[in-house]
Structures are given as C-alpha cells and as structure tokens.
Amino acid sequence: MMKLLAICFVLFILTGCSINHPVADDYSQYLVNNKGGFQLPETDYTAEYRIAPETLNHRYEFRATTTGYANLWVVDFGRILVDTLQSNDVQAAFKSLSEASEPIPDGIMLLEFKLVDYKFEDFGAHVKLNVKMTLNGKTLIDKTYFKTGISQGGKMFWAGAFGMKNAIQQSTKSAIDQILSLAITDIKASL
C-alpha cells in the first residue's frame, strides 16, 4: 500500500499537475479588509503616478514546499501596485493621487514606479522598487528602495495552502508600504 501511494505521489509530481493561485485577483478586497493597518506620512501634495510597462506586466511564479508543491503561486506585481496606489490608505497620504495624464500639468508632481526585483523567499516578499519624482520637468528624486515584508513562516506552516495567499498579500503589502513611506519622507525632504 505504501509503495502504491509513493508511486502515485511521484506520478502526480512528474505529470506537472498544479493548482494555480493568482494572488492579485482579490488583492483589492484584501486592501479593503486591512484598511488602516499601516499609516503613511501625510502630505498636501497633488500627484500623478505612472508605472513602467514592464512593471505592469511583471509576473512572478513560485512553489513553496511548506504549502504543497502542487500549488503554483502567481504574483502579478503590477496589478498589486495599481491596487495599492488606488487604495484608501495611499490616497489619504496625498491631497490627490491619480494615474498620470498627458501632458503633466505644471505644479503637479509625477511619481514613476519601476520594479527592479520581486521575490517571495524565506517566508516573505522581497521588493526592490525604483521611485522617481519629477516636478515641473525637474527630477528631484530617483532612488531604488529595497524592503522585505513581514515574515509569514508561521502562517505558511500552520495554515498551509489555505493561508498562503494571505501570507503573500500581507508580506507584499508590508514591503510596498515601507517603500512608499520612505519615498514620501524623501519627497517631503526634497521639497
């Protein structure tokens, strides 16, 4: 009986059967459910944002042995970043923040985001994001920030696949929040 189970397990792994879990699909709802969990510095700035095309289309896929190797976790970082920038928590940090129009009006700050690297390893999200801030055609900040989100080892171990999507969302949001907080602080200092 044990040999039969072992053979079935090996066949399952070798046939490439996997269960896809798109993390971004309900990320906006995750943000609503966790509103106010992180306080960004407040500003009175009117800003527009632009996300680099390669960032908008970025896709990261991985498997975690702690949650079952058959599960494929799919992180569409661009969708997560758009939802984050449009969330109530980030919107509250600005007088106004919207997707960039063309051309950028004088006096309106332009924030440009470009993902340098994203990984989910060692029970957490590792985000390296370049933030560029331009005002009236002059670049005031062009800096790459690197942050690691809150470790989710316990959630992954105890909840397995049932808690993994939430673990990825929470750790990714934590890393992005830290980066946005640093960027806003740098923006305030540059003005």
Protein backbone atom coordinates (compact mmCIF):
# COMPACT_ATOMS: atom_id res chain seq x y z
CA MET A 1 0.00 0.00 0.00
CA MET A 2 2.80 2.44 0.88
CA LYS A 3 4.58 1.65 -2.39
CA LEU A 4 1.40 2.40 -4.32
CA LEU A 5 0.98 5.75 -2.55
CA ALA A 6 4.61 6.63 -3.21
CA ILE A 7 4.25 5.77 -6.90
CA CYS A 8 1.05 7.84 -7.15
CA PHE A 9 2.79 10.78 -5.49
CA VAL A 10 5.78 10.59 -7.85
CA LEU A 11 3.47 10.35 -10.87
CA PHE A 12 1.49 13.34 -9.64
CA ILE A 13 4.66 15.44 -9.36
CA LEU A 14 6.07 14.27 -12.69
CA THR A 15 2.91 14.87 -14.70
CA GLY A 16 3.09 18.57 -13.97
CA CYS A 17 -0.33 18.79 -12.39
CA SER A 18 -0.57 22.00 -10.47
CA ILE A 19 -3.15 24.27 -8.95
CA ASN A 20 -2.69 27.91 -9.95
CA HIS A 21 -3.35 30.55 -7.31
CA PRO A 22 -3.44 34.12 -8.76
CA VAL A 23 -2.65 36.33 -5.77
CA ALA A 24 -3.71 39.64 -7.37
CA ASP A 25 -7.27 38.55 -8.18
CA ASP A 26 -8.69 39.56 -4.80
CA TYR A 27 -5.90 41.89 -3.63
CA SER A 28 -8.14 44.97 -3.78
CA GLN A 29 -10.54 43.23 -1.38
CA TYR A 30 -7.58 42.33 0.85
CA LEU A 31 -6.72 46.06 0.99
CA VAL A 32 -10.30 46.97 1.94
CA ASN A 33 -10.30 44.32 4.69
CA ASN A 34 -6.99 45.59 6.06
CA LYS A 35 -7.56 49.34 5.74
CA GLY A 36 -5.61 51.42 8.24
CA GLY A 37 -3.10 48.69 9.05
CA PHE A 38 -0.16 50.93 8.10
CA GLN A 39 -0.04 54.71 8.43
CA LEU A 40 1.81 56.50 5.62
CA PRO A 41 3.17 60.01 6.20
CA GLU A 42 0.56 62.57 5.14
CA THR A 43 1.25 65.28 2.58
CA ASP A 44 -0.69 68.08 0.94
CA TYR A 45 0.71 67.20 -2.50
CA THR A 46 -1.23 66.74 -5.68
CA ALA A 47 0.47 63.96 -7.60
CA GLU A 48 0.03 61.69 -10.56
CA TYR A 49 1.67 58.30 -10.98
CA ARG A 50 2.98 56.26 -13.87
CA ILE A 51 4.02 52.61 -13.71
CA ALA A 52 6.62 51.30 -16.15
CA PRO A 53 5.12 48.85 -18.70
CA GLU A 54 7.47 46.04 -17.65
CA THR A 55 6.31 46.54 -14.07
CA LEU A 56 2.64 46.50 -15.06
CA ASN A 57 3.21 43.20 -16.88
CA HIS A 58 5.53 41.63 -14.30
CA ARG A 59 4.59 38.09 -13.29
CA TYR A 60 6.36 36.03 -10.64
CA GLU A 61 5.50 32.35 -10.15
CA PHE A 62 6.77 30.07 -7.43
CA ARG A 63 6.06 26.96 -5.40
CA ALA A 64 6.55 26.53 -1.67
CA THR A 65 7.17 23.12 -0.17
CA THR A 66 5.54 24.18 3.11
CA THR A 67 2.21 24.68 1.34
CA GLY A 68 2.37 21.77 -1.07
CA TYR A 69 4.45 21.60 -4.20
CA ALA A 70 1.38 21.13 -6.42
CA ASN A 71 0.36 24.73 -5.67
CA LEU A 72 1.69 27.36 -8.07
CA TRP A 73 1.51 30.88 -6.64
CA VAL A 74 1.22 33.62 -9.27
CA VAL A 75 2.05 37.21 -8.28
CA ASP A 76 1.15 39.90 -10.84
CA PHE A 77 3.09 42.72 -9.21
CA GLY A 78 1.80 45.47 -11.50
CA ARG A 79 -1.81 44.76 -10.61
CA ILE A 80 -0.91 44.70 -6.91
CA LEU A 81 0.92 48.03 -7.19
CA VAL A 82 -2.01 49.68 -9.04
CA ASP A 83 -4.46 48.44 -6.39
CA THR A 84 -2.13 49.68 -3.64
CA LEU A 85 -1.77 53.16 -5.17
CA GLN A 86 -5.55 53.40 -5.57
CA SER A 87 -6.24 52.14 -2.03
CA ASN A 88 -7.75 54.41 0.60
CA ASP A 89 -4.59 54.24 2.73
CA VAL A 90 -2.30 55.54 -0.04
CA GLN A 91 -4.86 58.04 -1.34
CA ALA A 92 -5.13 59.50 2.17
CA ALA A 93 -1.39 60.27 2.15
CA PHE A 94 -1.85 62.79 -0.69
CA LYS A 95 -4.12 65.74 -1.38
CA SER A 96 -4.79 63.96 -4.66
CA LEU A 97 -3.15 60.96 -6.37
CA SER A 98 -4.27 59.70 -9.77
CA GLU A 99 -2.95 57.91 -12.82
CA ALA A 100 -0.82 60.21 -14.97
CA SER A 101 -2.37 62.26 -17.71
CA GLU A 102 -0.51 63.60 -20.73
CA PRO A 103 0.98 66.12 -20.54
CA ILE A 104 1.61 66.51 -16.81
CA PRO A 105 0.30 69.94 -15.77
CA ASP A 106 2.74 72.41 -14.18
CA GLY A 107 2.82 72.19 -10.42
CA ILE A 108 1.73 68.54 -10.41
CA MET A 109 4.20 66.02 -9.04
CA LEU A 110 4.84 62.94 -11.21
CA LEU A 111 5.72 59.70 -9.42
CA GLU A 112 7.14 56.96 -11.63
CA PHE A 113 7.46 53.38 -10.39
CA LYS A 114 9.70 50.72 -11.89
CA LEU A 115 10.10 47.28 -10.34
CA VAL A 116 13.73 46.22 -10.14
CA ASP A 117 13.11 42.85 -8.45
CA TYR A 118 10.40 40.88 -6.66
CA LYS A 119 10.82 37.54 -4.93
CA PHE A 120 8.93 35.58 -2.32
CA GLU A 121 11.60 33.67 -0.41
CA ASP A 122 12.37 32.76 3.17
CA PHE A 123 8.70 33.23 4.12
CA GLY A 124 8.48 36.82 2.90
CA ALA A 125 8.25 39.21 -0.04
CA HIS A 126 11.44 40.97 -1.12
CA VAL A 127 10.69 44.08 -3.17
CA LYS A 128 13.19 46.33 -4.92
CA LEU A 129 11.35 49.30 -6.45
CA ASN A 130 12.67 52.42 -8.15
CA VAL A 131 10.71 55.59 -7.42
CA LYS A 132 11.32 58.71 -9.48
CA MET A 133 9.70 62.04 -8.62
CA THR A 134 9.57 64.87 -11.13
CA LEU A 135 8.14 68.34 -10.63
CA ASN A 136 7.86 70.86 -13.47
CA GLY A 137 10.18 68.74 -15.61
CA LYS A 138 12.90 68.57 -12.95
CA THR A 139 13.82 65.22 -11.35
CA LEU A 140 14.04 65.69 -7.58
CA ILE A 141 14.26 62.02 -6.57
CA ASP A 142 15.37 58.93 -8.48
CA LYS A 143 16.00 56.25 -5.89
CA THR A 144 15.76 52.47 -5.63
CA TYR A 145 14.32 51.17 -2.37
CA PHE A 146 14.62 47.59 -1.10
CA LYS A 147 12.39 46.23 1.63
CA THR A 148 11.40 42.81 2.93
CA GLY A 149 7.82 42.32 4.03
CA ILE A 150 6.68 40.81 7.29
CA SER A 151 7.76 37.16 7.59
CA GLN A 152 4.89 34.73 7.15
CA GLY A 153 6.57 31.48 8.26
CA GLY A 154 4.02 30.68 10.95
CA LYS A 155 1.04 31.29 8.70
CA MET A 156 2.57 29.18 5.93
CA PHE A 157 3.48 26.35 8.30
CA TRP A 158 0.23 26.19 10.28
CA ALA A 159 -2.32 27.15 7.60
CA GLY A 160 -0.54 25.64 4.59
CA ALA A 161 -2.11 26.36 1.23
CA PHE A 162 -5.18 27.83 2.95
CA GLY A 163 -3.15 30.70 4.40
CA MET A 164 -0.59 31.13 1.65
CA LYS A 165 -2.44 33.68 -0.50
CA ASN A 166 -3.00 35.86 2.55
CA ALA A 167 0.65 35.41 3.54
CA ILE A 168 1.84 36.61 0.13
CA GLN A 169 -0.60 39.53 0.13
CA GLN A 170 0.33 40.63 3.65
CA SER A 171 4.09 40.40 3.15
CA THR A 172 3.97 42.10 -0.26
CA LYS A 173 1.78 44.91 1.09
CA SER A 174 4.15 45.33 4.04
CA ALA A 175 7.16 45.73 1.74
CA ILE A 176 5.35 48.18 -0.57
CA ASP A 177 4.06 50.21 2.41
CA GLN A 178 7.59 50.55 3.81
CA ILE A 179 8.92 51.66 0.42
CA LEU A 180 6.11 54.22 -0.05
CA SER A 181 6.70 55.57 3.45
CA LEU A 182 10.42 56.07 2.75
CA ALA A 183 9.70 57.61 -0.67
CA ILE A 184 7.15 60.06 0.77
CA THR A 185 9.62 61.03 3.51
CA ASP A 186 12.32 61.63 0.85
CA ILE A 187 9.87 63.64 -1.29
CA LYS A 188 8.97 65.84 1.66
CA ALA A 189 12.66 66.41 2.40
CA SER A 190 13.39 67.34 -1.23
CA LEU A 191 10.67 69.98 -1.30
